[in-house]
Structures are given as C-alpha cells and as structure tokens.
Amino acid sequence: MILNERIPIERLIKEGNKCYPDRIKFCIDRKRQRVSIDEDIHVIMEHELYDDGSDYKDIFGGDILFGNDLSEMKVVWEAHPNVERNRELQLGHGRELTDGIIKDELFDILKKWVY
C-alpha cells in the first residue's frame, strides 16, 4: 500500500504486518518521497510506485526489522530494486544499498511517513 498519511510503526506492526512476524518490507521513491509498505515482496511495492507515476531509477527498497520491542528495531537496505540502482550508481551488483548518503536520505523520507 502506498502511504497517504503518516502512520505509527506500532500500528503497522499490530494491524498491518500481514506477511512476516519480524519485519515490514517497503519501497521508497527517492525523488517523489513516496513510500509503499507492507507487502510480501518488494516487487509488488515497486510496481505500485510505478503505477503511481514513479520512475524505476528512483525506487529503492528495504526492511524494517524488529524484535520483541521497538528498541530492537532497525532498517536494512537490502532489496530487489537496489540491484539495478547499485549498478547504475556503480556500487556493485548486490541487493544491499551501500551508499551512506543515499541511505541517510531514504531513511529521512521513511521517517516522514512512518514514526
């Protein structure tokens, strides 16, 4: 689902989180600052953003991992959309986004939508 309003992480974990018990997947359109979240695979959210007007080169993905409480929460920037972005940015061929500046920018966008 593409977020149209800010949502607390607690609500996502309790009411959403339909796919995995320990994580919530997301994709972010870096340019438009849009977030699609809580589907079972990144490609579904990637296509939601395409259908909403995003350009493929602007989409990155990751997971919010959480343990028994929110103090153990962290974001992992590893997802299918990142493979092509890494190639374009000449950062390798893996699923993990390694550019710290881009990760910081994406994390700021995520925090605007999920708090």
Protein backbone atom coordinates (compact mmCIF):
# COMPACT_ATOMS: atom_id res chain seq x y z
CA MET A 1 0.00 0.00 0.00
CA ILE A 2 1.23 3.47 -0.80
CA LEU A 3 1.04 5.65 2.26
CA ASN A 4 -1.14 8.74 2.02
CA GLU A 5 -0.80 9.68 5.68
CA ARG A 6 1.82 9.23 8.37
CA ILE A 7 1.49 6.00 10.31
CA PRO A 8 2.97 4.92 13.65
CA ILE A 9 5.25 1.90 13.48
CA GLU A 10 3.31 0.33 16.34
CA ARG A 11 0.15 0.41 14.24
CA LEU A 12 1.93 -1.14 11.25
CA ILE A 13 3.26 -3.94 13.41
CA LYS A 14 -0.08 -4.58 15.09
CA GLU A 15 -2.60 -4.04 12.27
CA GLY A 16 -0.50 -4.47 9.14
CA ASN A 17 2.49 -6.76 9.15
CA LYS A 18 0.50 -9.37 7.30
CA CYS A 19 3.48 -11.09 5.73
CA TYR A 20 6.32 -11.59 8.22
CA PRO A 21 6.44 -11.80 12.02
CA ASP A 22 9.76 -9.96 12.34
CA ARG A 23 9.85 -7.38 9.53
CA ILE A 24 7.93 -4.97 7.37
CA LYS A 25 9.08 -4.53 3.78
CA PHE A 26 8.98 -1.18 1.99
CA CYS A 27 9.98 0.65 -1.18
CA ILE A 28 10.70 4.35 -1.43
CA ASP A 29 10.57 6.68 -4.41
CA ARG A 30 13.55 8.89 -3.62
CA LYS A 31 12.56 11.72 -5.98
CA ARG A 32 8.84 11.91 -5.15
CA GLN A 33 9.34 10.94 -1.48
CA ARG A 34 6.58 8.33 -1.63
CA VAL A 35 6.55 5.10 0.37
CA SER A 36 4.87 1.80 -0.41
CA ILE A 37 4.90 -0.59 2.52
CA ASP A 38 3.78 -3.93 3.98
CA GLU A 39 3.53 -6.27 1.01
CA ASP A 40 5.10 -9.72 0.92
CA ILE A 41 7.71 -8.92 -1.76
CA HIS A 42 9.44 -5.72 -2.82
CA VAL A 43 8.49 -6.05 -6.48
CA ILE A 44 4.79 -5.58 -5.62
CA MET A 45 5.55 -2.27 -3.93
CA GLU A 46 7.92 -1.30 -6.72
CA HIS A 47 5.08 -1.77 -9.23
CA GLU A 48 2.63 0.12 -7.02
CA LEU A 49 5.00 3.08 -7.16
CA TYR A 50 5.45 2.70 -10.96
CA ASP A 51 1.69 2.69 -11.38
CA ASP A 52 1.52 5.82 -9.22
CA GLY A 53 3.91 7.68 -11.52
CA SER A 54 7.35 6.84 -10.14
CA ASP A 55 10.36 6.30 -12.38
CA TYR A 56 12.13 2.97 -11.87
CA LYS A 57 15.50 4.68 -11.32
CA ASP A 58 14.18 6.48 -8.23
CA ILE A 59 12.91 3.40 -6.32
CA PHE A 60 14.89 1.73 -3.54
CA GLY A 61 13.80 -0.93 -1.05
CA GLY A 62 14.45 -2.30 2.39
CA ASP A 63 13.01 -3.88 5.51
CA ILE A 64 12.21 -2.62 8.98
CA LEU A 65 13.35 -5.41 11.32
CA PHE A 66 12.03 -5.59 14.86
CA GLY A 67 12.44 -7.86 17.82
CA ASN A 68 10.30 -8.23 20.90
CA ASP A 69 10.10 -4.47 21.39
CA LEU A 70 10.75 -1.36 19.35
CA SER A 71 14.12 -0.70 20.99
CA GLU A 72 15.46 -3.56 18.85
CA MET A 73 14.15 -2.07 15.60
CA LYS A 74 16.50 -1.37 12.67
CA VAL A 75 16.31 -0.71 8.94
CA VAL A 76 18.10 -2.95 6.46
CA TRP A 77 18.63 -1.59 2.95
CA GLU A 78 18.56 -4.91 1.11
CA ALA A 79 16.01 -5.47 -1.64
CA HIS A 80 15.50 -6.40 -5.28
CA PRO A 81 15.11 -2.80 -6.58
CA ASN A 82 18.54 -1.94 -5.18
CA VAL A 83 20.33 -4.34 -7.54
CA GLU A 84 19.71 -2.16 -10.58
CA ARG A 85 20.24 1.10 -8.62
CA ASN A 86 23.63 -0.21 -7.39
CA ARG A 87 24.66 -0.98 -10.97
CA GLU A 88 23.58 2.47 -12.17
CA LEU A 89 25.47 4.13 -9.30
CA GLN A 90 28.49 1.85 -9.91
CA LEU A 91 28.25 0.46 -6.37
CA GLY A 92 28.32 -3.21 -7.34
CA HIS A 93 25.67 -5.77 -8.18
CA GLY A 94 24.25 -6.78 -4.81
CA ARG A 95 20.86 -6.28 -3.19
CA GLU A 96 22.30 -4.23 -0.32
CA LEU A 97 22.48 -0.48 -0.79
CA THR A 98 25.87 0.67 0.44
CA ASP A 99 25.91 4.41 -0.35
CA GLY A 100 25.64 6.08 3.06
CA ILE A 101 24.40 9.42 1.71
CA ILE A 102 21.55 7.80 -0.20
CA LYS A 103 20.66 5.57 2.76
CA ASP A 104 20.50 8.63 5.04
CA GLU A 105 18.27 10.46 2.55
CA LEU A 106 15.96 7.45 2.20
CA PHE A 107 15.82 6.97 5.96
CA ASP A 108 14.73 10.60 6.36
CA ILE A 109 11.94 10.01 3.83
CA LEU A 110 10.87 6.82 5.65
CA LYS A 111 10.77 8.70 8.97
CA LYS A 112 8.45 11.32 7.42
CA TRP A 113 5.88 8.59 6.74
CA VAL A 114 6.49 6.01 9.47
CA TYR A 115 7.13 7.18 13.03
